[in-house]
Protein backbone atom coordinates (compact mmCIF):
# COMPACT_ATOMS: atom_id res chain seq x y z
CA MET A 1 168.50 157.76 45.56
CA THR A 2 167.51 157.05 41.95
CA VAL A 3 166.84 159.65 39.26
CA ARG A 4 165.14 158.67 36.01
CA LEU A 5 165.97 160.44 32.76
CA SER A 6 164.91 159.28 29.32
CA GLY A 7 164.14 155.86 30.73
CA VAL A 8 167.58 155.53 32.34
CA GLU A 9 167.99 155.14 36.06
CA ILE A 10 170.89 157.06 37.55
CA GLN A 11 172.13 155.81 40.89
CA THR A 12 173.50 158.35 43.32
CA VAL A 13 177.09 157.67 44.32
CA HIS A 14 177.86 158.04 48.03
CA VAL A 15 181.58 157.72 48.63
CA SER A 16 183.53 159.27 51.46
CA THR A 17 186.95 160.47 50.37
CA SER A 18 189.57 162.82 51.72
CA LEU A 19 192.12 164.91 49.89
CA ASP A 20 195.78 164.22 50.27
CA LYS A 21 197.04 167.24 52.22
CA THR A 22 200.70 166.63 51.40
CA GLU A 23 202.58 169.84 50.70
CA PHE A 24 204.35 169.87 47.36
CA SER A 25 207.63 171.63 46.73
CA GLU A 26 206.39 172.75 43.33
CA PRO A 27 202.80 173.37 42.25
CA ILE A 28 201.80 171.02 39.44
CA ALA A 29 199.12 172.44 37.19
CA GLN A 30 196.86 170.85 34.64
CA GLN A 31 195.02 172.49 31.75
CA VAL A 32 191.41 173.51 32.35
CA LYS A 33 188.83 174.14 29.58
CA ILE A 34 187.61 177.47 30.88
CA ASN A 35 188.68 180.28 33.11
CA LEU A 36 186.71 179.07 36.11
CA ILE A 37 186.89 182.26 38.13
CA ASN A 38 185.11 184.30 35.51
CA GLN A 39 182.46 181.64 35.15
CA LYS A 40 181.83 181.57 38.90
CA LEU A 41 181.68 185.33 39.25
CA MET A 42 179.00 185.37 36.59
CA THR A 43 176.83 182.66 38.15
CA HIS A 44 177.79 182.33 41.85
CA SER A 45 177.75 178.58 41.45
CA MET A 46 179.64 176.11 39.29
CA LYS A 47 177.69 176.42 36.03
CA ILE A 48 179.02 173.80 33.66
CA PHE A 49 179.10 175.35 30.22
CA THR A 50 179.21 172.31 27.99
CA THR A 51 179.72 173.39 24.46
CA VAL A 52 182.25 170.92 23.18
CA LEU A 53 184.17 174.08 23.46
CA SER A 54 182.60 175.05 26.64
CA PHE A 55 185.83 176.72 27.55
CA ALA A 56 183.63 179.30 26.02
CA ILE A 57 183.65 183.03 26.14
CA ILE A 58 182.41 183.89 29.62
CA ILE A 59 183.30 187.60 29.70
CA LEU A 60 181.94 189.78 26.91
CA VAL A 61 184.91 191.51 25.38
CA PHE A 62 185.50 193.51 22.25
CA ALA A 63 188.30 193.50 19.70
CA SER A 64 188.72 194.90 16.24
CA CYS A 65 190.02 191.67 14.71
CA LYS A 66 187.21 189.46 13.39
CA LYS A 67 187.85 185.77 12.79
CA GLU A 68 185.72 184.34 9.98
CA ASP A 69 185.54 180.70 8.96
CA ASP A 70 187.71 180.65 5.88
CA THR A 71 189.35 178.14 3.61
CA ASP A 72 192.94 178.69 4.65
CA ASP A 73 194.95 175.57 5.31
CA PRO A 74 195.57 174.62 8.93
CA PRO A 75 199.13 174.84 10.24
CA VAL A 76 201.41 171.84 10.09
CA PRO A 77 200.28 169.31 12.74
CA PRO A 78 202.58 167.86 15.40
CA VAL A 79 205.06 165.65 13.62
CA ASP A 80 204.15 162.40 15.37
CA SER A 81 200.46 162.76 14.49
CA VAL A 82 201.37 162.08 10.89
CA LEU A 83 203.05 158.84 11.93
CA THR A 84 200.25 157.64 14.21
CA GLY A 85 197.33 158.78 12.08
CA ASP A 86 195.73 160.53 15.05
CA SER A 87 192.87 162.98 14.53
CA ILE A 88 193.88 166.10 16.43
CA LEU A 89 191.40 168.91 16.91
CA TYR A 90 192.53 172.11 15.25
CA ARG A 91 189.51 174.37 15.12
CA ILE A 92 185.91 174.69 16.35
CA VAL A 93 183.40 176.63 14.29
CA LYS A 94 180.05 177.82 15.65
CA ASN A 95 177.40 178.90 13.16
CA SER A 96 180.11 179.47 10.52
CA VAL A 97 182.26 181.59 12.87
CA ILE A 98 185.53 180.33 14.34
CA VAL A 99 185.29 180.21 18.14
CA ALA A 100 188.46 178.28 19.05
CA GLU A 101 191.83 177.28 17.62
CA TYR A 102 194.43 174.94 19.11
CA VAL A 103 198.21 174.74 18.96
CA TYR A 104 199.90 171.60 20.28
CA ASN A 105 203.26 170.35 21.41
CA ASN A 106 204.64 167.31 19.63
CA ASP A 107 203.36 164.99 22.36
CA HIS A 108 199.83 166.31 21.64
CA THR A 109 199.58 168.25 24.88
CA VAL A 110 197.91 171.60 24.36
CA LYS A 111 200.23 174.55 24.09
CA THR A 112 197.80 177.38 23.32
CA ILE A 113 194.04 177.72 22.94
CA THR A 114 192.72 180.90 21.37
CA CYS A 115 189.02 181.63 21.88
CA TYR A 116 186.74 184.03 20.02
CA ASP A 117 183.26 185.25 20.81
CA ASP A 118 180.19 184.53 18.69
CA ALA A 119 180.98 187.49 16.44
CA GLY A 120 184.48 186.15 15.77
CA SER A 121 186.30 188.74 17.89
CA TYR A 122 189.22 187.72 20.08
CA SER A 123 188.15 186.89 23.64
CA TYR A 124 191.10 185.24 25.36
CA SER A 125 193.91 182.73 25.00
CA SER A 126 195.33 180.24 27.45
CA THR A 127 198.94 179.10 27.32
CA SER A 128 200.20 176.06 29.22
CA THR A 129 203.72 175.41 30.44
CA TYR A 130 204.69 171.79 31.16
CA ASN A 131 207.27 170.11 33.33
CA PRO A 132 209.44 167.22 32.04
CA ALA A 133 206.73 164.76 33.11
CA ALA A 134 204.26 166.44 30.71
CA LYS A 135 202.26 167.93 33.59
CA VAL A 136 201.17 171.51 33.22
CA VAL A 137 202.82 173.71 35.83
CA ARG A 138 200.99 176.90 34.93
CA ILE A 139 198.18 178.18 32.70
CA ASP A 140 198.26 181.85 31.73
CA TYR A 141 195.11 183.56 30.48
CA ALA A 142 195.43 186.63 28.24
CA TYR A 143 192.21 188.57 27.69
CA SER A 144 191.46 191.36 25.24
CA ILE A 145 190.95 193.42 28.39
CA SER A 146 194.36 193.10 30.04
CA SER A 147 193.05 193.78 33.55
CA TYR A 148 191.32 190.37 33.39
CA ASN A 149 194.61 188.54 32.80
CA SER A 150 195.18 185.78 35.34
CA TYR A 151 196.87 182.43 35.80
CA ASP A 152 196.16 179.06 37.42
CA THR A 153 198.37 176.67 39.31
CA CYS A 154 197.21 173.30 40.59
CA TYR A 155 198.27 170.62 43.04
CA TYR A 156 197.91 166.87 42.72
CA ASN A 157 197.02 164.35 45.43
CA SER A 158 198.96 161.15 46.13
CA ASP A 159 197.08 159.37 43.31
CA ASN A 160 198.38 161.96 40.85
CA ARG A 161 194.90 163.42 40.41
CA ILE A 162 194.44 167.13 40.54
CA SER A 163 193.16 168.17 43.95
CA VAL A 164 193.35 171.97 44.14
CA ILE A 165 193.31 174.73 41.51
CA TYR A 166 194.44 178.17 42.59
CA ASN A 167 193.58 181.23 40.52
CA TYR A 168 195.62 184.42 40.76
CA TRP A 169 195.04 187.96 39.56
CA GLY A 170 197.91 190.37 39.88
CA GLY A 171 199.88 187.71 41.76
CA VAL A 172 197.23 187.50 44.51
CA GLU A 173 195.07 184.42 45.05
CA GLN A 174 191.48 185.19 44.13
CA ASN A 175 189.77 181.82 44.47
CA ARG A 176 190.37 178.10 44.59
CA HIS A 177 188.69 174.89 43.47
CA THR A 178 189.09 171.70 45.49
CA MET A 179 188.26 168.27 44.06
CA GLN A 180 187.40 164.91 45.63
CA TYR A 181 187.20 161.53 43.87
CA ASP A 182 185.63 158.14 44.40
CA ILE A 183 187.65 154.93 44.57
CA ALA A 184 187.34 154.56 40.78
CA GLY A 185 189.07 157.91 40.31
CA ARG A 186 185.94 159.76 39.19
CA LEU A 187 185.35 163.32 40.28
CA ILE A 188 182.44 163.38 42.75
CA HIS A 189 182.79 166.72 44.58
CA LEU A 190 184.01 170.10 43.39
CA TYR A 191 184.20 172.95 45.90
CA PHE A 192 184.67 176.58 44.94
CA LEU A 193 185.99 179.04 47.54
CA TYR A 194 185.59 182.72 46.76
CA SER A 195 185.71 185.69 49.13
CA GLY A 196 185.21 183.44 52.15
CA SER A 197 182.14 181.67 50.70
CA MET A 198 182.09 178.04 49.61
CA PHE A 199 180.05 176.77 46.67
CA GLY A 200 179.83 173.15 45.58
CA THR A 201 178.98 170.76 42.77
CA ASN A 202 178.28 167.03 43.26
CA TYR A 203 178.82 164.63 40.34
CA ILE A 204 176.59 161.55 40.07
CA TYR A 205 177.32 158.80 37.54
CA GLY A 206 175.01 156.35 35.82
CA ASN A 207 174.93 154.17 32.72
CA ASN A 208 176.30 156.62 30.14
CA THR A 209 174.62 159.43 32.06
CA ASN A 210 175.76 162.04 34.56
CA VAL A 211 174.03 164.38 36.97
CA LEU A 212 175.55 167.57 38.34
CA LYS A 213 174.01 169.15 41.43
CA GLU A 214 175.12 172.70 42.27
CA TYR A 215 174.90 174.23 45.74
CA ASP A 216 175.26 177.80 46.96
CA SER A 217 177.32 178.97 49.94
CA GLY A 218 174.45 178.05 52.29
CA ASP A 219 174.49 174.45 51.03
CA LEU A 220 171.17 175.08 49.30
CA LEU A 221 170.57 173.19 46.06
CA CYS A 222 170.47 175.71 43.22
CA ASP A 223 170.52 173.82 39.93
CA THR A 224 170.55 170.23 38.73
CA THR A 225 171.85 169.29 35.28
CA TYR A 226 171.25 165.91 33.64
CA TYR A 227 173.40 164.58 30.81
CA VAL A 228 172.89 161.69 28.40
CA TYR A 229 175.71 160.55 26.10
CA ASP A 230 175.88 158.64 22.82
CA ASP A 231 178.04 155.54 22.29
CA LYS A 232 180.55 157.28 20.01
CA LYS A 233 183.96 158.51 21.06
CA SER A 234 184.55 162.20 21.65
CA PHE A 235 187.75 164.10 21.02
CA LYS A 236 189.70 164.68 24.22
CA ILE A 237 192.26 167.39 24.66
CA LYS A 238 195.32 165.92 26.35
CA GLY A 239 196.16 167.72 29.57
CA PHE A 240 192.66 168.72 30.70
CA THR A 241 191.43 168.03 34.20
CA GLY A 242 188.21 166.24 33.35
CA MET A 243 186.08 168.66 35.37
CA MET A 244 183.57 169.56 32.69
CA ALA A 245 180.55 167.50 31.71
CA ASP A 246 181.95 166.68 28.27
CA ASP A 247 185.06 165.30 29.98
CA LEU A 248 183.20 163.04 32.41
CA SER A 249 182.43 160.55 29.65
CA ALA A 250 184.38 159.22 26.69
CA ASN A 251 181.31 159.90 24.56
CA ASN A 252 179.39 162.91 23.26
CA ILE A 253 176.56 164.73 25.03
CA VAL A 254 173.29 164.15 23.15
CA GLN A 255 171.01 165.60 25.80
CA ARG A 256 171.45 168.23 28.49
CA MET A 257 168.62 169.22 30.82
CA HIS A 258 169.51 172.12 33.11
CA ASN A 259 166.84 172.54 35.80
CA ASP A 260 166.47 175.40 38.24
CA GLN A 261 165.96 175.11 41.98
CA SER A 262 162.27 174.25 41.48
CA GLY A 263 163.07 171.53 38.95
CA ASN A 264 161.98 173.53 35.90
CA PRO A 265 164.15 173.24 32.78
CA LYS A 266 166.00 176.35 31.62
CA PRO A 267 165.07 176.53 27.91
CA SER A 268 168.13 178.56 26.90
CA ASP A 269 170.49 176.11 28.60
CA SER A 270 168.85 172.74 27.85
CA TYR A 271 169.21 171.00 24.51
CA ASN A 272 169.33 167.87 22.37
CA SER A 273 172.19 167.24 19.94
CA VAL A 274 172.66 165.24 16.76
CA PHE A 275 176.23 164.42 15.66
CA GLU A 276 177.98 163.52 12.43
CA TYR A 277 181.27 161.59 12.53
CA ASN A 278 184.39 161.07 10.45
CA ALA A 279 186.03 157.80 9.41
CA ASN A 280 187.85 157.67 12.75
CA GLY A 281 184.53 157.85 14.60
CA LEU A 282 185.13 161.37 15.92
CA PRO A 283 182.46 164.07 15.75
CA THR A 284 182.75 166.48 12.84
CA LYS A 285 179.44 168.29 13.27
CA GLU A 286 176.96 168.87 16.07
CA THR A 287 173.48 170.29 15.55
CA ARG A 288 172.24 171.47 18.91
CA THR A 289 168.56 172.32 19.39
CA TYR A 290 167.63 174.16 22.58
CA LEU A 291 164.26 173.98 24.30
CA ASN A 292 163.66 177.61 23.30
CA SER A 293 163.94 176.47 19.64
CA THR A 294 167.37 178.04 19.11
CA VAL A 295 169.53 175.90 16.81
CA VAL A 296 173.34 176.09 16.97
CA VAL A 297 175.65 174.19 14.62
CA TYR A 298 179.22 173.32 15.64
CA GLU A 299 181.87 171.99 13.28
CA PHE A 300 185.03 170.27 14.51
CA ILE A 301 188.04 170.47 12.22
CA TYR A 302 191.02 168.17 12.67
CA TYR A 303 194.56 168.05 11.38
């Protein structure tokens, strides 16, 4: 099947794969950009929230501490970044309000991400623990509402690609995500199991484009989201799984069209973006214009 978007033909990928069912003696986890369980409970399907910090604030929480965009100096970067000249993301600002800050280990793997809501109030933080091979073995989420606290552990398949993510609340498994890949190692199927019901997302790749098709527990197509990317490099956070739309390409999303079951665009979730870049070719500013005329400006601050 061929889908046409902005003059680009996107060929559907049909690849039959199977997960490696090998049991591992120790769960190996990898950092994810959002707390997927909270996202799924809010939407009942795998809604891909693609702010370049789409690890965004899914649960509305309240805190007394407000985080404004200020002029304070960032903390000292990982020591080897000074030697390599790498640009390492430190902070994301949305409409002049800080919405995310990052702390790294010296090998540039993420140690802690702290997220704030649109008012600048603390929402949650995620902390990753790594094994000697620099693979995350656990991700702990700490919310402003402590009863939401949870953690993820993940297993890899024989190709060292993440195959299952388990989410736990209170030490009890609440849900799981299962991934399948094509022969090129690209994610093509994501299944979400919650309370005995299975939801799914299919990933379709084209020429600097992607399509995500989301299905409910009855295998009924719910939403389809089309992405178009620029030809500039995007910052990548080392340790992430590559499950989100901004991870499925090495470039930046310049167009997102999120259509409902009837094929009608959702104005509050469909947009076009214009980027500005630094001397290293990384985005420093994104001006995002939604179909409902809302304009959001993101700034990306590096060490």
